[in-house]
């Protein structure tokens, strides 16, 4: 079976467009059911450790071979019946192995809920994407969890599947998803899976060895492109990544911590037990919503989304920066000079914290981040990303530009 470049491209953009709708049939959910059924066959709670290890290896082999074989058989059968249908199925399976939009949407949902002051709702939404206990987390710990899980899952959900798609097509990518899903289901050092899940955990370490380090490199590159502290991202990734028990998770997390000059890691609660994770990075900047907003473009760069962030999508209007009586800067709508908005939410009703606003002019651009609510709506903070392609608000004074409001 030949997996063509256009099919990979189509799968990637389908993932950006559609994400992972809950009502849509998804092969990874089928993999989860297959894993559960196979576990019921091979797991023996009364067996000695050596037998559980052997059973765990056979269980892993059956799951991976079963997923790869079923994927290959389905694509070949449909291709035999109708080549076009086979090509469509190939793209759909490839698309199903990617998690770019869903990862972005789920993490954004947590941050938006937190920004709205609903910490209980933020804890609940966070629990959907992390395995740690979220019931007692404060704002800082919620943000730490989001940054940690997003940086790690860019490797697991985007970079690694793209690599396996590139070299093994949908069959290789589905086999990878089987390995990764088994680790998330049975790769724990608890009483049930300490021996049975050992091979699943080690296999996941092997298949993610290269993707995790490549993700860290992409984050360093993203920090450099966005004029963040890329040298520190590189230094911290080399210095701190190996502190983690996992040989892979530390690399993207440490690169993220270094780029932002923040500290990740610390105590987490899993299944009622406190686990002290090693710290990554230096506690220079406090974890806050504005720090997360600054991190978003770096994570997007690593996920291959930097072009969309720079070019912009969504609503556009012509506005210019004007001075306020207090020496600050506001936005004036060019088509209605009497309307001055320091608060974009009053003009774009659906704008909430976590959105970015990009000004486009003749050879320049400026990025603002919405980082906090005030009584009237949403407060806009200028120039949180610096670099050659970006100019501070002061240099935009009096300039007219097209404004693109980007989904955060």
Protein backbone atom coordinates (compact mmCIF):
# COMPACT_ATOMS: atom_id res chain seq x y z
CA UNK A 1 0.00 0.00 0.00
CA UNK A 2 1.44 3.37 -1.08
CA UNK A 3 0.69 6.43 1.05
CA UNK A 4 1.01 9.51 -1.14
CA UNK A 5 2.09 13.03 -0.04
CA UNK A 6 -1.27 14.53 -1.01
CA UNK A 7 -3.01 12.05 1.28
CA UNK A 8 -0.81 13.09 4.21
CA UNK A 9 -1.50 16.75 3.47
CA UNK A 10 -5.23 16.15 3.17
CA UNK A 11 -5.29 14.23 6.46
CA UNK A 12 -3.46 17.01 8.27
CA UNK A 13 -5.78 19.73 7.04
CA UNK A 14 -8.84 17.60 7.74
CA UNK A 15 -7.65 17.36 11.33
CA UNK A 16 -7.23 21.14 11.50
CA UNK A 17 -10.70 21.62 10.04
CA UNK A 18 -12.72 18.95 11.81
CA UNK A 19 -10.82 17.99 14.94
CA UNK A 20 -12.36 15.08 16.81
CA UNK A 21 -16.15 15.51 17.07
CA UNK A 22 -17.58 13.35 19.84
CA UNK A 23 -20.31 12.01 17.56
CA UNK A 24 -17.87 11.00 14.80
CA UNK A 25 -16.71 7.35 14.62
CA UNK A 26 -13.07 7.24 15.65
CA UNK A 27 -10.63 4.32 15.24
CA UNK A 28 -8.77 5.21 18.45
CA UNK A 29 -11.96 4.56 20.42
CA UNK A 30 -12.19 1.18 18.71
CA UNK A 31 -8.57 0.56 19.68
CA UNK A 32 -9.51 1.31 23.28
CA UNK A 33 -12.30 -1.25 23.19
CA UNK A 34 -9.96 -3.79 21.56
CA UNK A 35 -7.40 -3.20 24.33
CA UNK A 36 -10.04 -3.66 27.03
CA UNK A 37 -11.24 -6.90 25.50
CA UNK A 38 -7.71 -8.28 25.08
CA UNK A 39 -6.86 -7.32 28.64
CA UNK A 40 -9.83 -9.33 29.88
CA UNK A 41 -8.37 -12.34 28.08
CA UNK A 42 -4.75 -12.09 29.21
CA UNK A 43 -4.79 -10.39 32.61
CA UNK A 44 -4.56 -12.69 35.63
CA UNK A 45 -4.53 -10.85 38.93
CA UNK A 46 -3.47 -14.02 40.78
CA UNK A 47 -0.54 -14.86 38.51
CA UNK A 48 3.07 -14.47 39.70
CA UNK A 49 4.99 -11.42 38.42
CA UNK A 50 6.91 -13.32 35.75
CA UNK A 51 3.70 -14.77 34.29
CA UNK A 52 2.08 -11.34 34.32
CA UNK A 53 5.05 -9.90 32.42
CA UNK A 54 4.82 -12.65 29.80
CA UNK A 55 1.07 -12.21 29.54
CA UNK A 56 1.59 -8.44 29.20
CA UNK A 57 3.98 -8.95 26.31
CA UNK A 58 1.60 -11.34 24.50
CA UNK A 59 -1.27 -8.94 25.17
CA UNK A 60 0.75 -6.06 23.65
CA UNK A 61 1.69 -8.12 20.60
CA UNK A 62 -1.89 -9.23 19.96
CA UNK A 63 -3.19 -5.67 20.21
CA UNK A 64 -0.59 -4.14 17.87
CA UNK A 65 -0.72 -6.91 15.28
CA UNK A 66 -4.51 -6.90 15.40
CA UNK A 67 -4.75 -3.14 14.86
CA UNK A 68 -2.16 -3.09 12.06
CA UNK A 69 -3.70 -6.10 10.32
CA UNK A 70 -7.26 -4.76 10.55
CA UNK A 71 -6.15 -1.38 9.17
CA UNK A 72 -4.29 -2.94 6.25
CA UNK A 73 -7.11 -5.37 5.46
CA UNK A 74 -9.82 -2.68 5.49
CA UNK A 75 -7.87 -0.30 3.24
CA UNK A 76 -6.95 -3.04 0.77
CA UNK A 77 -10.47 -4.44 0.65
CA UNK A 78 -12.08 -1.04 0.04
CA UNK A 79 -9.38 -0.14 -2.49
CA UNK A 80 -10.06 -3.38 -4.34
CA UNK A 81 -13.79 -2.64 -4.46
CA UNK A 82 -13.25 0.98 -5.57
CA UNK A 83 -9.89 2.80 -5.80
CA UNK A 84 -11.39 6.20 -5.02
CA UNK A 85 -13.16 4.87 -1.94
CA UNK A 86 -9.89 3.29 -0.89
CA UNK A 87 -8.08 6.62 -1.21
CA UNK A 88 -10.79 8.33 0.84
CA UNK A 89 -10.57 5.66 3.55
CA UNK A 90 -6.78 6.00 3.60
CA UNK A 91 -7.04 9.74 4.20
CA UNK A 92 -9.72 9.27 6.86
CA UNK A 93 -7.65 6.73 8.80
CA UNK A 94 -4.60 8.99 8.61
CA UNK A 95 -6.66 11.97 9.77
CA UNK A 96 -7.98 9.95 12.71
CA UNK A 97 -4.44 9.41 14.05
CA UNK A 98 -3.86 13.17 14.45
CA UNK A 99 -5.04 15.32 17.35
CA UNK A 100 -3.98 18.86 16.48
CA UNK A 101 -7.30 20.64 16.69
CA UNK A 102 -8.73 18.59 19.53
CA UNK A 103 -5.63 19.18 21.67
CA UNK A 104 -5.81 22.90 21.00
CA UNK A 105 -9.58 23.07 21.58
CA UNK A 106 -9.55 21.12 24.84
CA UNK A 107 -6.67 23.07 26.36
CA UNK A 108 -8.18 26.37 25.21
CA UNK A 109 -11.47 25.39 26.83
CA UNK A 110 -9.77 24.90 30.19
CA UNK A 111 -8.05 28.29 29.99
CA UNK A 112 -11.19 30.11 28.88
CA UNK A 113 -13.20 28.62 31.72
CA UNK A 114 -10.49 29.59 34.18
CA UNK A 115 -10.36 33.13 32.75
CA UNK A 116 -14.10 33.46 33.28
CA UNK A 117 -13.55 32.86 36.99
CA UNK A 118 -15.05 29.36 37.00
CA UNK A 119 -12.27 27.42 38.67
CA UNK A 120 -14.56 24.44 39.36
CA UNK A 121 -15.44 24.21 35.69
CA UNK A 122 -11.77 24.58 34.74
CA UNK A 123 -10.85 21.69 37.04
CA UNK A 124 -13.54 19.53 35.46
CA UNK A 125 -12.47 20.34 31.89
CA UNK A 126 -8.84 19.74 32.81
CA UNK A 127 -9.72 16.29 34.15
CA UNK A 128 -10.77 15.33 30.62
CA UNK A 129 -7.22 15.72 29.29
CA UNK A 130 -4.96 14.76 32.22
CA UNK A 131 -4.73 11.71 34.45
CA UNK A 132 -3.83 13.60 37.65
CA UNK A 133 -6.47 14.49 40.25
CA UNK A 134 -7.67 18.02 39.45
CA UNK A 135 -10.28 18.48 42.19
CA UNK A 136 -8.12 20.68 44.45
CA UNK A 137 -5.93 22.53 41.94
CA UNK A 138 -5.62 26.32 42.13
CA UNK A 139 -5.18 28.62 39.11
CA UNK A 140 -1.40 28.22 38.99
CA UNK A 141 -1.58 24.43 39.16
CA UNK A 142 -4.28 24.32 36.48
CA UNK A 143 -2.10 26.37 34.14
CA UNK A 144 0.91 24.20 34.93
CA UNK A 145 -1.07 21.09 34.11
CA UNK A 146 -2.30 22.57 30.82
CA UNK A 147 1.19 23.60 29.68
CA UNK A 148 2.66 20.24 30.70
CA UNK A 149 0.02 18.12 29.01
CA UNK A 150 -0.11 20.21 25.82
CA UNK A 151 3.66 20.27 25.39
CA UNK A 152 3.88 16.51 25.96
CA UNK A 153 0.89 15.68 23.78
CA UNK A 154 2.16 17.71 20.85
CA UNK A 155 4.67 14.87 20.62
CA UNK A 156 2.19 12.04 21.22
CA UNK A 157 -0.74 13.48 19.28
CA UNK A 158 0.86 15.37 16.41
CA UNK A 159 4.60 14.99 15.80
CA UNK A 160 4.83 11.23 16.37
CA UNK A 161 1.74 10.33 14.26
CA UNK A 162 3.03 12.55 11.44
CA UNK A 163 6.38 10.75 11.55
CA UNK A 164 4.75 7.32 11.49
CA UNK A 165 2.42 8.41 8.71
CA UNK A 166 5.39 9.65 6.71
CA UNK A 167 7.34 6.42 7.00
CA UNK A 168 4.67 3.77 7.62
CA UNK A 169 1.46 5.21 6.23
CA UNK A 170 -1.88 4.72 8.01
CA UNK A 171 -0.91 1.19 9.08
CA UNK A 172 2.23 2.43 10.84
CA UNK A 173 0.38 5.36 12.40
CA UNK A 174 -2.45 3.15 13.67
CA UNK A 175 0.08 0.73 15.14
CA UNK A 176 1.67 3.71 16.90
CA UNK A 177 -1.72 4.81 18.25
CA UNK A 178 -2.26 1.29 19.58
CA UNK A 179 1.09 1.41 21.40
CA UNK A 180 0.39 4.89 22.76
CA UNK A 181 -3.16 4.04 23.85
CA UNK A 182 -2.01 0.88 25.62
CA UNK A 183 0.50 2.91 27.61
CA UNK A 184 -2.25 5.33 28.67
CA UNK A 185 -4.49 2.44 29.73
CA UNK A 186 -2.15 -0.12 31.30
CA UNK A 187 1.28 1.52 31.57
CA UNK A 188 1.03 2.37 35.26
CA UNK A 189 3.15 1.38 38.25
CA UNK A 190 0.13 0.56 40.40
CA UNK A 191 -0.83 -2.76 41.93
CA UNK A 192 -2.81 -3.91 38.90
CA UNK A 193 -0.43 -3.00 36.08
CA UNK A 194 3.03 -2.99 37.67
CA UNK A 195 3.97 -6.23 35.91
CA UNK A 196 1.23 -6.71 33.31
CA UNK A 197 1.75 -3.26 31.82
CA UNK A 198 5.55 -3.14 31.94
CA UNK A 199 6.08 -4.02 28.27
CA UNK A 200 3.40 -1.57 27.08
CA UNK A 201 5.14 1.22 29.01
CA UNK A 202 8.62 0.34 27.72
CA UNK A 203 7.39 0.01 24.13
CA UNK A 204 5.82 3.46 24.33
CA UNK A 205 9.15 4.86 25.54
CA UNK A 206 10.87 3.37 22.50
CA UNK A 207 8.45 4.61 19.84
CA UNK A 208 8.38 8.13 21.33
CA UNK A 209 12.14 8.50 21.74
CA UNK A 210 12.70 10.42 18.50
CA UNK A 211 9.35 12.29 18.35
CA UNK A 212 9.78 13.74 21.85
CA UNK A 213 13.21 15.13 21.07
CA UNK A 214 12.07 16.44 17.71
CA UNK A 215 9.17 18.19 19.47
CA UNK A 216 11.60 19.86 21.84
CA UNK A 217 13.67 21.07 18.87
CA UNK A 218 10.54 22.44 17.23
CA UNK A 219 9.69 24.32 20.42
CA UNK A 220 13.18 25.81 20.53
CA UNK A 221 12.76 26.84 16.89
CA UNK A 222 9.35 28.31 17.67
CA UNK A 223 10.79 30.30 20.57
CA UNK A 224 13.51 31.63 18.27
CA UNK A 225 11.04 32.54 15.52
CA UNK A 226 8.87 34.41 18.03
CA UNK A 227 11.82 36.07 19.75
CA UNK A 228 11.30 34.32 23.05
CA UNK A 229 14.18 32.90 25.10
CA UNK A 230 15.17 30.09 22.74
CA UNK A 231 18.66 29.78 24.22
CA UNK A 232 17.16 29.08 27.62
CA UNK A 233 14.69 26.63 26.04
CA UNK A 234 17.65 24.73 24.61
CA UNK A 235 19.63 24.91 27.86
CA UNK A 236 16.77 23.77 30.07
CA UNK A 237 15.82 20.93 27.71
CA UNK A 238 19.38 19.57 27.89
CA UNK A 239 19.74 20.22 31.62
CA UNK A 240 16.40 19.13 33.06
CA UNK A 241 14.69 16.70 30.66
CA UNK A 242 16.48 13.66 32.03
CA UNK A 243 15.26 14.38 35.55
CA UNK A 244 11.89 12.84 34.63
CA UNK A 245 11.25 9.14 35.11
CA UNK A 246 9.94 9.05 31.57
CA UNK A 247 12.82 9.18 29.09
CA UNK A 248 10.68 11.26 26.73
CA UNK A 249 8.12 13.48 28.46
CA UNK A 250 10.75 15.78 29.94
CA UNK A 251 12.08 17.09 26.63
CA UNK A 252 9.09 19.04 25.30
CA UNK A 253 8.06 20.11 28.82
CA UNK A 254 11.55 21.36 29.65
CA UNK A 255 11.78 23.23 26.34
CA UNK A 256 8.45 24.93 27.08
CA UNK A 257 9.58 25.86 30.59
CA UNK A 258 12.85 27.30 29.30
CA UNK A 259 11.20 29.34 26.54
CA UNK A 260 8.89 31.00 29.08
CA UNK A 261 11.35 31.17 31.98
CA UNK A 262 8.86 29.34 34.17
CA UNK A 263 9.07 26.25 36.34
CA UNK A 264 7.04 23.12 35.64
CA UNK A 265 6.83 19.94 37.65
CA UNK A 266 6.12 19.48 41.33
CA UNK A 267 3.57 17.44 43.28
CA UNK A 268 0.70 15.73 41.44
CA UNK A 269 -1.97 13.42 42.81
CA UNK A 270 -2.61 10.16 40.93
CA UNK A 271 -5.21 7.68 42.14
CA UNK A 272 -5.14 9.19 45.63
CA UNK A 273 -1.36 9.16 45.96
CA UNK A 274 0.93 12.20 45.85
CA UNK A 275 3.77 11.89 43.37
CA UNK A 276 6.55 14.45 43.43
CA UNK A 277 7.61 15.21 39.86
CA UNK A 278 11.06 16.75 39.27
CA UNK A 279 11.04 20.47 38.56
CA UNK A 280 11.83 21.63 35.03
CA UNK A 281 13.07 25.16 34.35
CA UNK A 282 13.68 28.10 36.67
CA UNK A 283 11.00 29.96 38.58
CA UNK A 284 11.66 33.38 37.00
CA UNK A 285 8.19 34.26 35.71
CA UNK A 286 5.05 33.35 37.66
CA UNK A 287 2.58 31.05 35.95
CA UNK A 288 -0.30 33.21 34.77
CA UNK A 289 -2.82 33.50 31.97
CA UNK A 290 -0.59 35.97 30.15
CA UNK A 291 2.31 33.49 30.25
CA UNK A 292 0.04 30.83 28.77
CA UNK A 293 -1.05 33.24 26.02
CA UNK A 294 2.60 33.89 25.20
CA UNK A 295 3.22 30.15 25.03
CA UNK A 296 0.38 29.44 22.62
CA UNK A 297 2.23 30.50 19.44
CA UNK A 298 5.25 28.40 20.45
CA UNK A 299 3.07 25.33 20.92
CA UNK A 300 1.36 26.11 17.63
CA UNK A 301 4.72 26.36 15.87
CA UNK A 302 5.68 22.92 17.16
CA UNK A 303 2.32 21.61 15.92
CA UNK A 304 2.88 23.11 12.46
CA UNK A 305 0.34 25.92 12.87
CA UNK A 306 2.60 28.97 12.83
CA UNK A 307 1.43 30.11 9.39
CA UNK A 308 -2.17 30.28 10.49
CA UNK A 309 -1.23 32.36 13.49
CA UNK A 310 0.74 34.82 11.43
CA UNK A 311 -1.67 35.18 8.58
CA UNK A 312 -4.84 35.30 10.60
CA UNK A 313 -8.38 34.21 10.05
CA UNK A 314 -11.77 35.29 11.25
CA UNK A 315 -13.33 38.72 11.52
CA UNK A 316 -11.47 41.71 10.08
CA UNK A 317 -11.99 45.44 10.18
CA UNK A 318 -9.90 48.57 9.68
CA UNK A 319 -8.73 50.13 12.93
CA UNK A 320 -5.93 52.38 14.15
CA UNK A 321 -4.13 52.92 17.42
CA UNK A 322 -4.86 56.22 19.20
CA UNK A 323 -3.59 57.63 22.47
CA UNK A 324 -5.79 57.85 25.53
CA UNK A 325 -5.88 60.76 27.97
CA UNK A 326 -4.03 58.60 30.49
CA UNK A 327 -1.17 57.91 28.09
CA UNK A 328 -2.28 54.44 27.06
CA UNK A 329 -3.43 53.21 23.67
CA UNK A 330 -6.86 52.31 22.32
CA UNK A 331 -8.33 51.16 19.04
CA UNK A 332 -10.35 53.46 16.83
CA UNK A 333 -12.61 52.01 14.15
CA UNK A 334 -11.64 53.77 10.93
CA UNK A 335 -15.08 53.51 9.35
CA UNK A 336 -16.62 55.07 12.45
CA UNK A 337 -14.07 57.49 13.98
CA UNK A 338 -16.38 58.32 16.85
CA UNK A 339 -16.12 54.77 18.16
CA UNK A 340 -13.03 54.09 20.24
CA UNK A 341 -12.54 50.64 21.69
CA UNK A 342 -10.05 49.83 24.38
CA UNK A 343 -12.12 46.73 24.82
CA UNK A 344 -12.47 44.58 21.68
CA UNK A 345 -15.14 42.44 23.29
CA UNK A 346 -17.52 45.39 22.94
CA UNK A 347 -17.02 45.30 19.18
CA UNK A 348 -16.59 41.55 18.74
CA UNK A 349 -19.21 40.24 21.07
CA UNK A 350 -17.87 36.70 21.27
CA UNK A 351 -14.28 37.71 22.03
CA UNK A 352 -13.09 36.21 25.31
CA UNK A 353 -9.84 35.78 27.13
CA UNK A 354 -7.28 33.75 25.24
CA UNK A 355 -7.90 35.36 21.85
CA UNK A 356 -5.14 37.10 19.93
CA UNK A 357 -5.45 40.22 17.83
CA UNK A 358 -3.03 40.81 14.97
CA UNK A 359 -2.57 44.12 13.16
CA UNK A 360 -1.48 43.94 9.54
CA UNK A 361 0.04 46.93 7.75
CA UNK A 362 2.53 47.63 5.03
CA UNK A 363 5.40 45.36 6.00
CA UNK A 364 4.63 45.20 9.69
CA UNK A 365 2.41 43.40 12.16
CA UNK A 366 1.65 43.67 15.84
CA UNK A 367 0.30 40.99 18.17
CA UNK A 368 -1.82 41.65 21.23
CA UNK A 369 -3.13 39.13 23.71
CA UNK A 370 -6.37 39.30 25.65
CA UNK A 371 -5.17 38.43 29.13
CA UNK A 372 -7.83 39.52 31.59
CA UNK A 373 -11.39 40.66 32.05
CA UNK A 374 -12.47 44.02 33.38
CA UNK A 375 -15.97 45.10 34.42
CA UNK A 376 -16.92 46.04 30.85
CA UNK A 377 -15.46 43.07 29.02
CA UNK A 378 -11.97 42.05 28.04
CA UNK A 379 -8.77 43.99 28.60
CA UNK A 380 -6.22 43.98 25.78
CA UNK A 381 -2.48 43.96 26.45
CA UNK A 382 -0.16 45.07 23.66
CA UNK A 383 3.06 43.53 22.40
CA UNK A 384 3.48 40.30 24.29
CA UNK A 385 5.46 38.85 21.40
CA UNK A 386 8.50 40.74 20.21
CA UNK A 387 10.58 40.40 17.08
CA UNK A 388 11.51 41.84 13.72
CA UNK A 389 8.06 41.29 12.27
CA UNK A 390 6.31 42.84 15.26
CA UNK A 391 6.24 46.45 16.43
CA UNK A 392 5.19 47.87 19.81
CA UNK A 393 1.99 49.84 20.18
CA UNK A 394 3.89 53.13 20.39
CA UNK A 395 5.22 52.71 16.85
CA UNK A 396 1.70 51.94 15.64
CA UNK A 397 0.32 55.23 16.94
CA UNK A 398 -1.76 56.85 14.22
CA UNK A 399 -1.29 53.93 11.83
CA UNK A 400 -4.24 52.30 10.09
CA UNK A 401 -4.32 48.54 9.73
CA UNK A 402 -6.54 45.61 9.00
CA UNK A 403 -7.26 43.76 12.24
CA UNK A 404 -7.68 40.01 12.34
CA UNK A 405 -9.19 38.49 15.45
CA UNK A 406 -7.79 34.99 15.90
CA UNK A 407 -9.28 32.19 17.89
CA UNK A 408 -6.89 31.69 20.83
